[in-house]
Amino acid sequence: GNEDDARVFLKKKQELADKNEGLKVAYTAAAENASKM
């Protein structure tokens, strides 16, 4: 029953989700480079 706490956790989750998109791009590029090499 603690919505405020839930909002804090979801805000952190959103920050990590945004970070996740960048990490996916980096991983995709690294995987392609590794495959070529």
PDB file of all heavy atoms in Angstrom:
ATOM      1  N   GLY A   1       0.795  -1.215   0.000  1.00  0.00           N
ATOM      2  CA  GLY A   1       0.000   0.000   0.000  1.00  0.00           C
ATOM      3  C   GLY A   1       0.820   1.254   0.000  1.00  0.00           C
ATOM      4  O   GLY A   1       0.302   2.344   0.309  1.00  0.00           O
ATOM      5  N   ASN A   2       2.084   1.184  -0.370  1.00  0.00           N
ATOM      6  CA  ASN A   2       2.978   2.341  -0.406  1.00  0.00           C
ATOM      7  C   ASN A   2       3.223   2.773  -1.859  1.00  0.00           C
ATOM      8  O   ASN A   2       4.207   2.383  -2.505  1.00  0.00           O
ATOM      9  CB  ASN A   2       4.307   2.026   0.280  1.00  0.00           C
ATOM     10  CG  ASN A   2       4.135   1.724   1.759  1.00  0.00           C
ATOM     11  OD1 ASN A   2       3.341   2.387   2.432  1.00  0.00           O
ATOM     12  ND2 ASN A   2       4.850   0.716   2.248  1.00  0.00           N
ATOM     13  N   GLU A   3       2.308   3.606  -2.402  1.00  0.00           N
ATOM     14  CA  GLU A   3       2.435   4.040  -3.789  1.00  0.00           C
ATOM     15  C   GLU A   3       3.656   4.942  -3.993  1.00  0.00           C
ATOM     16  O   GLU A   3       4.287   4.905  -5.050  1.00  0.00           O
ATOM     17  CB  GLU A   3       1.163   4.773  -4.219  1.00  0.00           C
ATOM     18  CG  GLU A   3      -0.036   3.863  -4.362  1.00  0.00           C
ATOM     19  CD  GLU A   3      -1.221   4.593  -4.964  1.00  0.00           C
ATOM     20  OE1 GLU A   3      -1.055   5.781  -5.346  1.00  0.00           O
ATOM     21  OE2 GLU A   3      -2.303   3.985  -5.061  1.00  0.00           O
ATOM     22  N   ASP A   4       3.932   5.778  -2.970  1.00  0.00           N
ATOM     23  CA  ASP A   4       5.089   6.677  -3.123  1.00  0.00           C
ATOM     24  C   ASP A   4       6.391   5.874  -3.279  1.00  0.00           C
ATOM     25  O   ASP A   4       7.251   6.214  -4.109  1.00  0.00           O
ATOM     26  CB  ASP A   4       5.188   7.602  -1.915  1.00  0.00           C
ATOM     27  CG  ASP A   4       4.061   8.626  -1.881  1.00  0.00           C
ATOM     28  OD1 ASP A   4       3.463   8.855  -2.968  1.00  0.00           O
ATOM     29  OD2 ASP A   4       3.803   9.160  -0.806  1.00  0.00           O
ATOM     30  N   ASP A   5       6.478   4.833  -2.459  1.00  0.00           N
ATOM     31  CA  ASP A   5       7.681   3.975  -2.595  1.00  0.00           C
ATOM     32  C   ASP A   5       7.701   3.294  -3.960  1.00  0.00           C
ATOM     33  O   ASP A   5       8.761   3.174  -4.586  1.00  0.00           O
ATOM     34  CB  ASP A   5       7.694   2.920  -1.487  1.00  0.00           C
ATOM     35  CG  ASP A   5       7.931   3.528  -0.115  1.00  0.00           C
ATOM     36  OD1 ASP A   5       8.365   4.698  -0.062  1.00  0.00           O
ATOM     37  OD2 ASP A   5       7.678   2.829   0.884  1.00  0.00           O
ATOM     38  N   ALA A   6       6.515   2.895  -4.393  1.00  0.00           N
ATOM     39  CA  ALA A   6       6.434   2.242  -5.705  1.00  0.00           C
ATOM     40  C   ALA A   6       6.878   3.195  -6.801  1.00  0.00           C
ATOM     41  O   ALA A   6       7.567   2.799  -7.763  1.00  0.00           O
ATOM     42  CB  ALA A   6       5.014   1.752  -5.956  1.00  0.00           C
ATOM     43  N   ARG A   7       6.467   4.496  -6.654  1.00  0.00           N
ATOM     44  CA  ARG A   7       6.891   5.480  -7.658  1.00  0.00           C
ATOM     45  C   ARG A   7       8.416   5.628  -7.690  1.00  0.00           C
ATOM     46  O   ARG A   7       9.013   5.772  -8.753  1.00  0.00           O
ATOM     47  CB  ARG A   7       6.237   6.828  -7.351  1.00  0.00           C
ATOM     48  CG  ARG A   7       4.757   6.879  -7.653  1.00  0.00           C
ATOM     49  CD  ARG A   7       4.252   8.324  -7.524  1.00  0.00           C
ATOM     50  NE  ARG A   7       2.817   8.380  -7.770  1.00  0.00           N
ATOM     51  CZ  ARG A   7       1.884   8.312  -6.819  1.00  0.00           C
ATOM     52  NH1 ARG A   7       2.274   8.158  -5.535  1.00  0.00           N
ATOM     53  NH2 ARG A   7       0.591   8.377  -7.113  1.00  0.00           N
ATOM     54  N   VAL A   8       9.054   5.636  -6.515  1.00  0.00           N
ATOM     55  CA  VAL A   8      10.528   5.760  -6.451  1.00  0.00           C
ATOM     56  C   VAL A   8      11.194   4.591  -7.173  1.00  0.00           C
ATOM     57  O   VAL A   8      12.130   4.772  -7.949  1.00  0.00           O
ATOM     58  CB  VAL A   8      10.996   5.826  -4.980  1.00  0.00           C
ATOM     59  CG1 VAL A   8      12.530   5.763  -4.917  1.00  0.00           C
ATOM     60  CG2 VAL A   8      10.493   7.090  -4.308  1.00  0.00           C
ATOM     61  N   PHE A   9      10.689   3.399  -6.902  1.00  0.00           N
ATOM     62  CA  PHE A   9      11.270   2.197  -7.550  1.00  0.00           C
ATOM     63  C   PHE A   9      11.045   2.211  -9.073  1.00  0.00           C
ATOM     64  O   PHE A   9      11.944   1.870  -9.840  1.00  0.00           O
ATOM     65  CB  PHE A   9      10.653   0.934  -6.939  1.00  0.00           C
ATOM     66  CG  PHE A   9      11.055   0.704  -5.516  1.00  0.00           C
ATOM     67  CD1 PHE A   9      10.113   0.240  -4.581  1.00  0.00           C
ATOM     68  CD2 PHE A   9      12.365   0.938  -5.083  1.00  0.00           C
ATOM     69  CE1 PHE A   9      10.466   0.012  -3.258  1.00  0.00           C
ATOM     70  CE2 PHE A   9      12.716   0.706  -3.758  1.00  0.00           C
ATOM     71  CZ  PHE A   9      11.773   0.251  -2.852  1.00  0.00           C
ATOM     72  N   LEU A  10       9.854   2.666  -9.467  1.00  0.00           N
ATOM     73  CA  LEU A  10       9.561   2.695 -10.912  1.00  0.00           C
ATOM     74  C   LEU A  10      10.375   3.777 -11.625  1.00  0.00           C
ATOM     75  O   LEU A  10      10.753   3.615 -12.791  1.00  0.00           O
ATOM     76  CB  LEU A  10       8.070   2.936 -11.126  1.00  0.00           C
ATOM     77  CG  LEU A  10       7.158   1.764 -10.730  1.00  0.00           C
ATOM     78  CD1 LEU A  10       5.687   2.145 -10.888  1.00  0.00           C
ATOM     79  CD2 LEU A  10       7.473   0.530 -11.584  1.00  0.00           C
ATOM     80  N   LYS A  11      10.635   4.899 -10.899  1.00  0.00           N
ATOM     81  CA  LYS A  11      11.477   5.948 -11.489  1.00  0.00           C
ATOM     82  C   LYS A  11      12.892   5.421 -11.726  1.00  0.00           C
ATOM     83  O   LYS A  11      13.496   5.659 -12.792  1.00  0.00           O
ATOM     84  CB  LYS A  11      11.511   7.157 -10.558  1.00  0.00           C
ATOM     85  CG  LYS A  11      12.326   8.311 -11.125  1.00  0.00           C
ATOM     86  CD  LYS A  11      12.321   9.487 -10.164  1.00  0.00           C
ATOM     87  CE  LYS A  11      13.151  10.645 -10.741  1.00  0.00           C
ATOM     88  NZ  LYS A  11      13.200  11.811  -9.820  1.00  0.00           N
ATOM     89  N   LYS A  12      13.399   4.683 -10.748  1.00  0.00           N
ATOM     90  CA  LYS A  12      14.744   4.097 -10.901  1.00  0.00           C
ATOM     91  C   LYS A  12      14.743   3.067 -12.023  1.00  0.00           C
ATOM     92  O   LYS A  12      15.687   2.993 -12.822  1.00  0.00           O
ATOM     93  CB  LYS A  12      15.164   3.425  -9.588  1.00  0.00           C
ATOM     94  CG  LYS A  12      16.569   2.850  -9.610  1.00  0.00           C
ATOM     95  CD  LYS A  12      17.620   3.946  -9.841  1.00  0.00           C
ATOM     96  CE  LYS A  12      19.033   3.385  -9.775  1.00  0.00           C
ATOM     97  NZ  LYS A  12      20.046   4.427 -10.029  1.00  0.00           N
ATOM     98  N   LYS A  13      13.660   2.319 -12.108  1.00  0.00           N
ATOM     99  CA  LYS A  13      13.526   1.329 -13.169  1.00  0.00           C
ATOM    100  C   LYS A  13      13.560   2.019 -14.526  1.00  0.00           C
ATOM    101  O   LYS A  13      14.216   1.537 -15.476  1.00  0.00           O
ATOM    102  CB  LYS A  13      12.228   0.555 -13.005  1.00  0.00           C
ATOM    103  CG  LYS A  13      11.939  -0.373 -14.182  1.00  0.00           C
ATOM    104  CD  LYS A  13      10.508  -0.868 -14.167  1.00  0.00           C
ATOM    105  CE  LYS A  13      10.166  -1.555 -15.470  1.00  0.00           C
ATOM    106  NZ  LYS A  13       8.749  -1.964 -15.537  1.00  0.00           N
ATOM    107  N   GLN A  14      12.862   3.181 -14.634  1.00  0.00           N
ATOM    108  CA  GLN A  14      12.832   3.900 -15.906  1.00  0.00           C
ATOM    109  C   GLN A  14      14.218   4.405 -16.293  1.00  0.00           C
ATOM    110  O   GLN A  14      14.611   4.352 -17.469  1.00  0.00           O
ATOM    111  CB  GLN A  14      11.856   5.067 -15.803  1.00  0.00           C
ATOM    112  CG  GLN A  14      11.601   5.779 -17.117  1.00  0.00           C
ATOM    113  CD  GLN A  14      10.991   4.867 -18.162  1.00  0.00           C
ATOM    114  OE1 GLN A  14       9.986   4.209 -17.898  1.00  0.00           O
ATOM    115  NE2 GLN A  14      11.589   4.807 -19.355  1.00  0.00           N
ATOM    116  N   GLU A  15      14.951   4.891 -15.295  1.00  0.00           N
ATOM    117  CA  GLU A  15      16.338   5.351 -15.566  1.00  0.00           C
ATOM    118  C   GLU A  15      17.189   4.202 -16.100  1.00  0.00           C
ATOM    119  O   GLU A  15      17.975   4.362 -17.044  1.00  0.00           O
ATOM    120  CB  GLU A  15      16.946   5.915 -14.284  1.00  0.00           C
ATOM    121  CG  GLU A  15      16.316   7.209 -13.829  1.00  0.00           C
ATOM    122  CD  GLU A  15      16.868   7.667 -12.495  1.00  0.00           C
ATOM    123  OE1 GLU A  15      17.694   6.907 -11.909  1.00  0.00           O
ATOM    124  OE2 GLU A  15      16.480   8.754 -12.022  1.00  0.00           O
ATOM    125  N   LEU A  16      17.019   3.041 -15.476  1.00  0.00           N
ATOM    126  CA  LEU A  16      17.788   1.868 -15.914  1.00  0.00           C
ATOM    127  C   LEU A  16      17.332   1.389 -17.292  1.00  0.00           C
ATOM    128  O   LEU A  16      18.142   0.906 -18.096  1.00  0.00           O
ATOM    129  CB  LEU A  16      17.646   0.738 -14.891  1.00  0.00           C
ATOM    130  CG  LEU A  16      18.294   0.999 -13.529  1.00  0.00           C
ATOM    131  CD1 LEU A  16      17.930  -0.116 -12.547  1.00  0.00           C
ATOM    132  CD2 LEU A  16      19.818   1.085 -13.670  1.00  0.00           C
ATOM    133  N   ALA A  17      16.042   1.541 -17.562  1.00  0.00           N
ATOM    134  CA  ALA A  17      15.519   1.149 -18.871  1.00  0.00           C
ATOM    135  C   ALA A  17      16.109   2.030 -19.964  1.00  0.00           C
ATOM    136  O   ALA A  17      16.439   1.557 -21.068  1.00  0.00           O
ATOM    137  CB  ALA A  17      13.993   1.233 -18.859  1.00  0.00           C
ATOM    138  N   ASP A  18      16.212   3.351 -19.675  1.00  0.00           N
ATOM    139  CA  ASP A  18      16.839   4.263 -20.648  1.00  0.00           C
ATOM    140  C   ASP A  18      18.303   3.868 -20.872  1.00  0.00           C
ATOM    141  O   ASP A  18      18.801   3.877 -22.008  1.00  0.00           O
ATOM    142  CB  ASP A  18      16.757   5.709 -20.135  1.00  0.00           C
ATOM    143  CG  ASP A  18      15.323   6.229 -20.100  1.00  0.00           C
ATOM    144  OD1 ASP A  18      14.470   5.638 -20.802  1.00  0.00           O
ATOM    145  OD2 ASP A  18      15.066   7.203 -19.378  1.00  0.00           O
ATOM    146  N   LYS A  19      18.972   3.547 -19.768  1.00  0.00           N
ATOM    147  CA  LYS A  19      20.365   3.102 -19.875  1.00  0.00           C
ATOM    148  C   LYS A  19      20.454   1.812 -20.670  1.00  0.00           C
ATOM    149  O   LYS A  19      21.408   1.577 -21.427  1.00  0.00           O
ATOM    150  CB  LYS A  19      20.943   2.908 -18.472  1.00  0.00           C
ATOM    151  CG  LYS A  19      22.388   2.433 -18.458  1.00  0.00           C
ATOM    152  CD  LYS A  19      22.867   2.224 -17.031  1.00  0.00           C
ATOM    153  CE  LYS A  19      24.286   1.701 -16.995  1.00  0.00           C
ATOM    154  NZ  LYS A  19      24.760   1.469 -15.605  1.00  0.00           N
ATOM    155  N   ASN A  20      19.462   0.968 -20.535  1.00  0.00           N
ATOM    156  CA  ASN A  20      19.452  -0.324 -21.204  1.00  0.00           C
ATOM    157  C   ASN A  20      19.485  -0.181 -22.719  1.00  0.00           C
ATOM    158  O   ASN A  20      20.110  -0.986 -23.417  1.00  0.00           O
ATOM    159  CB  ASN A  20      18.213  -1.113 -20.779  1.00  0.00           C
ATOM    160  CG  ASN A  20      18.492  -2.607 -20.731  1.00  0.00           C
ATOM    161  OD1 ASN A  20      19.496  -3.029 -20.159  1.00  0.00           O
ATOM    162  ND2 ASN A  20      17.615  -3.403 -21.313  1.00  0.00           N
ATOM    163  N   GLU A  21      18.806   0.846 -23.241  1.00  0.00           N
ATOM    164  CA  GLU A  21      18.786   1.057 -24.690  1.00  0.00           C
ATOM    165  C   GLU A  21      20.189   1.360 -25.214  1.00  0.00           C
ATOM    166  O   GLU A  21      20.601   0.853 -26.248  1.00  0.00           O
ATOM    167  CB  GLU A  21      17.826   2.206 -25.031  1.00  0.00           C
ATOM    168  CG  GLU A  21      16.372   1.906 -24.750  1.00  0.00           C
ATOM    169  CD  GLU A  21      15.879   0.681 -25.481  1.00  0.00           C
ATOM    170  OE1 GLU A  21      16.218   0.524 -26.674  1.00  0.00           O
ATOM    171  OE2 GLU A  21      15.178  -0.142 -24.857  1.00  0.00           O
ATOM    172  N   GLY A  22      20.900   2.185 -24.472  1.00  0.00           N
ATOM    173  CA  GLY A  22      22.283   2.485 -24.869  1.00  0.00           C
ATOM    174  C   GLY A  22      23.186   1.257 -24.795  1.00  0.00           C
ATOM    175  O   GLY A  22      24.041   1.040 -25.649  1.00  0.00           O
ATOM    176  N   LEU A  23      22.959   0.466 -23.751  1.00  0.00           N
ATOM    177  CA  LEU A  23      23.764  -0.745 -23.603  1.00  0.00           C
ATOM    178  C   LEU A  23      23.469  -1.757 -24.713  1.00  0.00           C
ATOM    179  O   LEU A  23      24.372  -2.456 -25.189  1.00  0.00           O
ATOM    180  CB  LEU A  23      23.496  -1.385 -22.234  1.00  0.00           C
ATOM    181  CG  LEU A  23      24.055  -0.631 -21.020  1.00  0.00           C
ATOM    182  CD1 LEU A  23      23.593  -1.298 -19.736  1.00  0.00           C
ATOM    183  CD2 LEU A  23      25.581  -0.576 -21.078  1.00  0.00           C
ATOM    184  N   LYS A  24      22.204  -1.803 -25.150  1.00  0.00           N
ATOM    185  CA  LYS A  24      21.861  -2.699 -26.258  1.00  0.00           C
ATOM    186  C   LYS A  24      22.577  -2.291 -27.543  1.00  0.00           C
ATOM    187  O   LYS A  24      23.086  -3.132 -28.289  1.00  0.00           O
ATOM    188  CB  LYS A  24      20.351  -2.696 -26.487  1.00  0.00           C
ATOM    189  CG  LYS A  24      19.554  -3.470 -25.456  1.00  0.00           C
ATOM    190  CD  LYS A  24      18.064  -3.428 -25.790  1.00  0.00           C
ATOM    191  CE  LYS A  24      17.260  -4.223 -24.768  1.00  0.00           C
ATOM    192  NZ  LYS A  24      15.796  -4.154 -25.071  1.00  0.00           N
ATOM    193  N   VAL A  25      22.602  -0.973 -27.798  1.00  0.00           N
ATOM    194  CA  VAL A  25      23.302  -0.467 -28.986  1.00  0.00           C
ATOM    195  C   VAL A  25      24.793  -0.814 -28.914  1.00  0.00           C
ATOM    196  O   VAL A  25      25.397  -1.274 -29.885  1.00  0.00           O
ATOM    197  CB  VAL A  25      23.114   1.055 -29.125  1.00  0.00           C
ATOM    198  CG1 VAL A  25      23.992   1.608 -30.241  1.00  0.00           C
ATOM    199  CG2 VAL A  25      21.641   1.384 -29.378  1.00  0.00           C
ATOM    200  N   ALA A  26      25.380  -0.611 -27.728  1.00  0.00           N
ATOM    201  CA  ALA A  26      26.809  -0.900 -27.551  1.00  0.00           C
ATOM    202  C   ALA A  26      27.082  -2.391 -27.725  1.00  0.00           C
ATOM    203  O   ALA A  26      28.074  -2.785 -28.370  1.00  0.00           O
ATOM    204  CB  ALA A  26      27.269  -0.436 -26.171  1.00  0.00           C
ATOM    205  N   TYR A  27      26.200  -3.199 -27.151  1.00  0.00           N
ATOM    206  CA  TYR A  27      26.410  -4.644 -27.257  1.00  0.00           C
ATOM    207  C   TYR A  27      26.256  -5.127 -28.700  1.00  0.00           C
ATOM    208  O   TYR A  27      27.040  -5.955 -29.167  1.00  0.00           O
ATOM    209  CB  TYR A  27      25.425  -5.383 -26.365  1.00  0.00           C
ATOM    210  CG  TYR A  27      25.435  -6.880 -26.627  1.00  0.00           C
ATOM    211  CD1 TYR A  27      26.532  -7.653 -26.268  1.00  0.00           C
ATOM    212  CD2 TYR A  27      24.346  -7.503 -27.260  1.00  0.00           C
ATOM    213  CE1 TYR A  27      26.555  -9.020 -26.525  1.00  0.00           C
ATOM    214  CE2 TYR A  27      24.365  -8.861 -27.510  1.00  0.00           C
ATOM    215  CZ  TYR A  27      25.468  -9.622 -27.154  1.00  0.00           C
ATOM    216  OH  TYR A  27      25.498 -10.957 -27.417  1.00  0.00           O
ATOM    217  N   THR A  28      25.267  -4.593 -29.411  1.00  0.00           N
ATOM    218  CA  THR A  28      25.056  -4.990 -30.812  1.00  0.00           C
ATOM    219  C   THR A  28      26.288  -4.653 -31.653  1.00  0.00           C
ATOM    220  O   THR A  28      26.755  -5.472 -32.464  1.00  0.00           O
ATOM    221  CB  THR A  28      23.820  -4.285 -31.387  1.00  0.00           C
ATOM    222  OG1 THR A  28      22.662  -4.658 -30.630  1.00  0.00           O
ATOM    223  CG2 THR A  28      23.611  -4.664 -32.848  1.00  0.00           C
ATOM    224  N   ALA A  29      26.834  -3.455 -31.451  1.00  0.00           N
ATOM    225  CA  ALA A  29      28.035  -3.039 -32.190  1.00  0.00           C
ATOM    226  C   ALA A  29      29.224  -3.919 -31.822  1.00  0.00           C
ATOM    227  O   ALA A  29      30.002  -4.353 -32.690  1.00  0.00           O
ATOM    228  CB  ALA A  29      28.344  -1.576 -31.897  1.00  0.00           C
ATOM    229  N   ALA A  30      29.386  -4.194 -30.522  1.00  0.00           N
ATOM    230  CA  ALA A  30      30.498  -5.026 -30.075  1.00  0.00           C
ATOM    231  C   ALA A  30      30.375  -6.442 -30.630  1.00  0.00           C
ATOM    232  O   ALA A  30      31.378  -7.060 -31.032  1.00  0.00           O
ATOM    233  CB  ALA A  30      30.544  -5.064 -28.552  1.00  0.00           C
ATOM    234  N   ALA A  31      29.148  -6.956 -30.679  1.00  0.00           N
ATOM    235  CA  ALA A  31      28.934  -8.310 -31.205  1.00  0.00           C
ATOM    236  C   ALA A  31      29.257  -8.367 -32.697  1.00  0.00           C
ATOM    237  O   ALA A  31      29.854  -9.335 -33.177  1.00  0.00           O
ATOM    238  CB  ALA A  31      27.487  -8.733 -30.953  1.00  0.00           C
ATOM    239  N   GLU A  32      28.855  -7.318 -33.433  1.00  0.00           N
ATOM    240  CA  GLU A  32      29.154  -7.275 -34.870  1.00  0.00           C
ATOM    241  C   GLU A  32      30.657  -7.180 -35.111  1.00  0.00           C
ATOM    242  O   GLU A  32      31.205  -7.855 -36.001  1.00  0.00           O
ATOM    243  CB  GLU A  32      28.442  -6.084 -35.513  1.00  0.00           C
ATOM    244  CG  GLU A  32      26.920  -6.246 -35.585  1.00  0.00           C
ATOM    245  CD  GLU A  32      26.237  -5.033 -36.177  1.00  0.00           C
ATOM    246  OE1 GLU A  32      26.938  -4.018 -36.411  1.00  0.00           O
ATOM    247  OE2 GLU A  32      25.000  -5.101 -36.390  1.00  0.00           O
ATOM    248  N   ASN A  33      31.320  -6.339 -34.316  1.00  0.00           N
ATOM    249  CA  ASN A  33      32.777  -6.217 -34.451  1.00  0.00           C
ATOM    250  C   ASN A  33      33.472  -7.540 -34.147  1.00  0.00           C
ATOM    251  O   ASN A  33      34.422  -7.947 -34.852  1.00  0.00           O
ATOM    252  CB  ASN A  33      33.311  -5.131 -33.515  1.00  0.00           C
ATOM    253  CG  ASN A  33      32.948  -3.745 -33.982  1.00  0.00           C
ATOM    254  OD1 ASN A  33      32.689  -3.527 -35.167  1.00  0.00           O
ATOM    255  ND2 ASN A  33      32.900  -2.789 -33.057  1.00  0.00           N
ATOM    256  N   ALA A  34      33.020  -8.201 -33.102  1.00  0.00           N
ATOM    257  CA  ALA A  34      33.626  -9.487 -32.720  1.00  0.00           C
ATOM    258  C   ALA A  34      33.403 -10.520 -33.813  1.00  0.00           C
ATOM    259  O   ALA A  34      34.300 -11.313 -34.134  1.00  0.00           O
ATOM    260  CB  ALA A  34      33.027  -9.973 -31.402  1.00  0.00           C
ATOM    261  N   SER A  35      32.205 -10.509 -34.408  1.00  0.00           N
ATOM    262  CA  SER A  35      31.906 -11.460 -35.482  1.00  0.00           C
ATOM    263  C   SER A  35      32.810 -11.212 -36.687  1.00  0.00           C
ATOM    264  O   SER A  35      33.361 -12.159 -37.281  1.00  0.00           O
ATOM    265  CB  SER A  35      30.435 -11.341 -35.884  1.00  0.00           C
ATOM    266  OG  SER A  35      30.146 -12.207 -36.979  1.00  0.00           O
ATOM    267  N   LYS A  36      32.976  -9.947 -37.049  1.00  0.00           N
ATOM    268  CA  LYS A  36      33.840  -9.609 -38.189  1.00  0.00           C
ATOM    269  C   LYS A  36      35.289 -10.004 -37.918  1.00  0.00           C
ATOM    270  O   LYS A  36      35.976 -10.539 -38.793  1.00  0.00           O
ATOM    271  CB  LYS A  36      33.757  -8.109 -38.478  1.00  0.00           C
ATOM    272  CG  LYS A  36      32.415  -7.669 -39.052  1.00  0.00           C
ATOM    273  CD  LYS A  36      32.389  -6.160 -39.269  1.00  0.00           C
ATOM    274  CE  LYS A  36      31.036  -5.704 -39.809  1.00  0.00           C
ATOM    275  NZ  LYS A  36      30.979  -4.232 -39.978  1.00  0.00           N
ATOM    276  N   MET A  37      35.733  -9.729 -36.695  1.00  0.00           N
ATOM    277  CA  MET A  37      37.113 -10.061 -36.357  1.00  0.00           C
ATOM    278  C   MET A  37      37.332 -11.566 -36.342  1.00  0.00           C
ATOM    279  O   MET A  37      38.380 -12.060 -36.784  1.00  0.00           O
ATOM    280  CB  MET A  37      37.480  -9.462 -35.000  1.00  0.00           C
ATOM    281  CG  MET A  37      37.637  -7.954 -35.001  1.00  0.00           C
ATOM    282  SD  MET A  37      38.945  -7.365 -36.111  1.00  0.00           S
ATOM    283  CE  MET A  37      40.398  -8.026 -35.309  1.00  0.00           C
TER     284      MET A  37
END
